[in-house]
N, C-alpha and C. Protein backbone atom coordinates (compact mmCIF):
# COMPACT_ATOMS: atom_id res chain seq x y z
N MET A 1 -48.47 -47.18 65.24
CA MET A 1 -48.35 -48.49 64.64
C MET A 1 -47.46 -48.38 63.40
N ASP A 2 -46.60 -49.35 63.19
CA ASP A 2 -45.71 -49.37 62.04
C ASP A 2 -46.45 -49.84 60.81
N GLU A 3 -45.87 -49.53 59.65
CA GLU A 3 -46.42 -50.02 58.38
C GLU A 3 -46.41 -51.54 58.38
N LEU A 4 -47.34 -52.14 57.67
CA LEU A 4 -47.38 -53.58 57.50
C LEU A 4 -46.38 -54.01 56.44
N ASP A 5 -45.87 -55.23 56.55
CA ASP A 5 -45.08 -55.80 55.46
C ASP A 5 -46.04 -56.09 54.31
N ASP A 6 -45.55 -55.89 53.07
CA ASP A 6 -46.38 -56.20 51.90
C ASP A 6 -46.69 -57.68 51.85
N PHE A 7 -47.89 -58.03 51.42
CA PHE A 7 -48.21 -59.42 51.11
C PHE A 7 -49.21 -59.43 49.97
N THR A 8 -49.23 -60.54 49.23
CA THR A 8 -50.04 -60.64 48.03
C THR A 8 -50.89 -61.90 48.07
N ILE A 9 -52.15 -61.76 47.63
CA ILE A 9 -53.00 -62.92 47.39
C ILE A 9 -53.39 -62.87 45.92
N GLY A 10 -53.65 -64.00 45.34
CA GLY A 10 -54.01 -63.97 43.93
C GLY A 10 -54.59 -65.27 43.43
N LEU A 11 -55.10 -65.18 42.22
CA LEU A 11 -55.67 -66.32 41.52
C LEU A 11 -55.08 -66.30 40.11
N HIS A 12 -54.47 -67.42 39.71
CA HIS A 12 -53.80 -67.50 38.42
C HIS A 12 -54.25 -68.77 37.71
N SER A 13 -54.66 -68.64 36.45
CA SER A 13 -55.12 -69.80 35.70
C SER A 13 -55.02 -69.53 34.21
N GLY A 14 -54.36 -70.41 33.49
CA GLY A 14 -54.32 -70.33 32.04
C GLY A 14 -53.84 -69.01 31.49
N GLY A 15 -52.83 -68.41 32.11
CA GLY A 15 -52.30 -67.14 31.64
C GLY A 15 -53.11 -65.93 32.06
N GLN A 16 -54.20 -66.14 32.79
CA GLN A 16 -55.01 -65.05 33.31
C GLN A 16 -54.81 -64.98 34.82
N SER A 17 -54.86 -63.78 35.36
CA SER A 17 -54.62 -63.67 36.79
C SER A 17 -55.20 -62.39 37.36
N ILE A 18 -55.42 -62.44 38.65
CA ILE A 18 -55.74 -61.25 39.43
C ILE A 18 -54.99 -61.40 40.74
N SER A 19 -54.34 -60.34 41.16
CA SER A 19 -53.65 -60.37 42.44
C SER A 19 -53.84 -59.05 43.16
N ILE A 20 -53.87 -59.15 44.47
CA ILE A 20 -54.02 -57.98 45.33
C ILE A 20 -52.84 -57.97 46.28
N THR A 21 -52.05 -56.91 46.21
CA THR A 21 -50.93 -56.73 47.13
C THR A 21 -51.32 -55.68 48.15
N VAL A 22 -51.26 -56.05 49.41
CA VAL A 22 -51.54 -55.10 50.48
C VAL A 22 -50.24 -54.36 50.77
N ILE A 23 -50.28 -53.04 50.60
CA ILE A 23 -49.10 -52.19 50.78
C ILE A 23 -48.96 -51.75 52.23
N GLY A 24 -50.08 -51.45 52.87
CA GLY A 24 -50.04 -51.00 54.25
C GLY A 24 -51.39 -50.48 54.69
N LEU A 25 -51.39 -49.90 55.86
CA LEU A 25 -52.61 -49.31 56.41
C LEU A 25 -52.87 -47.96 55.76
N LEU A 26 -54.13 -47.64 55.53
CA LEU A 26 -54.48 -46.35 54.96
C LEU A 26 -54.29 -45.24 56.00
N VAL A 27 -54.71 -45.50 57.24
CA VAL A 27 -54.57 -44.53 58.33
C VAL A 27 -53.68 -45.17 59.39
N ILE A 28 -52.43 -44.75 59.46
CA ILE A 28 -51.45 -45.39 60.34
C ILE A 28 -51.85 -45.33 61.81
N ASP A 29 -52.20 -44.18 62.32
CA ASP A 29 -52.54 -44.01 63.73
C ASP A 29 -54.04 -43.78 63.92
N ALA A 30 -54.84 -44.63 63.31
CA ALA A 30 -56.30 -44.46 63.34
C ALA A 30 -56.82 -44.55 64.77
N ALA A 31 -57.76 -43.68 65.09
CA ALA A 31 -58.38 -43.70 66.41
C ALA A 31 -59.64 -44.56 66.42
N SER A 32 -60.38 -44.57 65.31
CA SER A 32 -61.63 -45.33 65.28
C SER A 32 -61.39 -46.73 64.72
N ASN A 33 -62.20 -47.67 65.18
CA ASN A 33 -62.10 -49.04 64.68
C ASN A 33 -62.37 -49.11 63.18
N TRP A 34 -63.29 -48.29 62.69
CA TRP A 34 -63.59 -48.28 61.26
C TRP A 34 -62.35 -47.90 60.45
N ASP A 35 -61.67 -46.84 60.86
CA ASP A 35 -60.48 -46.39 60.13
C ASP A 35 -59.35 -47.41 60.19
N LYS A 36 -59.29 -48.20 61.25
CA LYS A 36 -58.24 -49.22 61.39
C LYS A 36 -58.39 -50.35 60.39
N ASN A 37 -59.55 -50.49 59.76
CA ASN A 37 -59.81 -51.58 58.82
C ASN A 37 -59.47 -51.25 57.37
N TRP A 38 -59.02 -50.04 57.10
CA TRP A 38 -58.72 -49.64 55.72
C TRP A 38 -57.28 -49.96 55.35
N LEU A 39 -57.10 -50.55 54.15
CA LEU A 39 -55.79 -50.96 53.65
C LEU A 39 -55.51 -50.33 52.30
N ARG A 40 -54.24 -49.95 52.08
CA ARG A 40 -53.79 -49.50 50.76
C ARG A 40 -53.37 -50.74 49.98
N THR A 41 -53.87 -50.90 48.76
CA THR A 41 -53.55 -52.09 47.97
C THR A 41 -53.19 -51.71 46.53
N LYS A 42 -52.55 -52.65 45.86
CA LYS A 42 -52.30 -52.55 44.43
C LYS A 42 -52.91 -53.79 43.80
N ILE A 43 -53.81 -53.60 42.84
CA ILE A 43 -54.50 -54.70 42.18
C ILE A 43 -53.95 -54.84 40.76
N SER A 44 -53.58 -56.07 40.41
CA SER A 44 -53.06 -56.36 39.07
C SER A 44 -53.96 -57.39 38.41
N VAL A 45 -54.30 -57.13 37.14
CA VAL A 45 -55.19 -58.02 36.39
C VAL A 45 -54.54 -58.33 35.04
N ARG A 46 -54.61 -59.59 34.63
CA ARG A 46 -54.18 -60.00 33.30
C ARG A 46 -55.26 -60.91 32.76
N ALA A 47 -55.88 -60.51 31.63
CA ALA A 47 -56.94 -61.30 31.01
C ALA A 47 -56.79 -61.18 29.50
N GLY A 48 -56.25 -62.20 28.88
CA GLY A 48 -56.01 -62.15 27.45
C GLY A 48 -55.05 -61.03 27.11
N ALA A 49 -55.45 -60.18 26.17
CA ALA A 49 -54.60 -59.07 25.75
C ALA A 49 -54.65 -57.90 26.73
N PHE A 50 -55.58 -57.94 27.67
CA PHE A 50 -55.73 -56.85 28.63
C PHE A 50 -54.87 -57.12 29.85
N GLY A 51 -54.23 -56.09 30.33
CA GLY A 51 -53.50 -56.17 31.59
C GLY A 51 -53.47 -54.79 32.21
N GLY A 52 -53.57 -54.73 33.49
CA GLY A 52 -53.54 -53.44 34.15
C GLY A 52 -53.24 -53.56 35.62
N THR A 53 -52.80 -52.45 36.18
CA THR A 53 -52.51 -52.36 37.61
C THR A 53 -53.07 -51.03 38.10
N TYR A 54 -53.69 -51.07 39.25
CA TYR A 54 -54.18 -49.82 39.82
C TYR A 54 -54.16 -49.90 41.34
N ASP A 55 -54.12 -48.74 41.97
CA ASP A 55 -54.14 -48.63 43.42
C ASP A 55 -55.59 -48.58 43.88
N ALA A 56 -55.87 -49.23 45.00
CA ALA A 56 -57.23 -49.23 45.54
C ALA A 56 -57.16 -49.27 47.06
N ASP A 57 -58.10 -48.61 47.69
CA ASP A 57 -58.25 -48.67 49.15
C ASP A 57 -59.37 -49.65 49.45
N LEU A 58 -59.05 -50.72 50.17
CA LEU A 58 -60.02 -51.76 50.53
C LEU A 58 -60.10 -51.87 52.04
N THR A 59 -61.19 -52.45 52.51
CA THR A 59 -61.28 -52.73 53.94
C THR A 59 -60.98 -54.20 54.18
N THR A 60 -60.70 -54.53 55.42
CA THR A 60 -60.50 -55.93 55.77
C THR A 60 -61.76 -56.72 55.49
N PHE A 61 -62.92 -56.07 55.55
CA PHE A 61 -64.19 -56.74 55.26
C PHE A 61 -64.28 -57.17 53.80
N ASP A 62 -63.64 -56.43 52.90
CA ASP A 62 -63.64 -56.81 51.48
C ASP A 62 -63.02 -58.19 51.29
N PHE A 63 -61.98 -58.50 52.06
CA PHE A 63 -61.34 -59.81 51.94
C PHE A 63 -62.26 -60.91 52.45
N GLU A 64 -63.06 -60.62 53.45
CA GLU A 64 -64.08 -61.58 53.92
C GLU A 64 -65.09 -61.84 52.80
N ASN A 65 -65.46 -60.79 52.07
CA ASN A 65 -66.42 -60.94 50.97
C ASN A 65 -65.85 -61.78 49.83
N PHE A 66 -64.52 -61.75 49.63
CA PHE A 66 -63.90 -62.56 48.59
C PHE A 66 -64.02 -64.04 48.91
N LYS A 67 -64.01 -64.37 50.20
CA LYS A 67 -64.11 -65.77 50.62
C LYS A 67 -65.45 -66.33 50.18
N GLY A 68 -65.45 -67.47 49.54
CA GLY A 68 -66.70 -68.06 49.08
C GLY A 68 -67.14 -67.55 47.72
N SER A 69 -66.43 -66.57 47.17
CA SER A 69 -66.76 -66.07 45.84
C SER A 69 -65.87 -66.78 44.82
N GLU A 70 -66.03 -66.46 43.56
CA GLU A 70 -65.18 -67.05 42.53
C GLU A 70 -63.74 -66.61 42.68
N PHE A 71 -63.51 -65.53 43.44
CA PHE A 71 -62.14 -65.06 43.66
C PHE A 71 -61.41 -65.93 44.67
N ALA A 72 -62.15 -66.68 45.48
CA ALA A 72 -61.54 -67.47 46.55
C ALA A 72 -60.49 -68.42 45.99
N ILE A 73 -59.42 -68.54 46.74
CA ILE A 73 -58.31 -69.40 46.32
C ILE A 73 -58.48 -70.78 46.91
C-alpha cells in the first residue's frame, strides 16, 4: 500500500487552535487489521503564549472518539 496524502483536521477559535495532520500509515504493509488502523500524525497546539508541535501515533478509533467531544468540529 502506498503512503497516504497528508490531511489536516483542526479547531481554531480566538487565536487558539489545535490541529492534527495525518502524515501516513504507521505500518505500510500491515498484515493484521489492528496494525492497519495506526496512523503517524503531527499535532500542533496554540493556547495563549503556549505553542507546540509534536509527533504522535494515533489509531483511526481515536478520531471516532473525537467525534461528539469538545474537539469535534
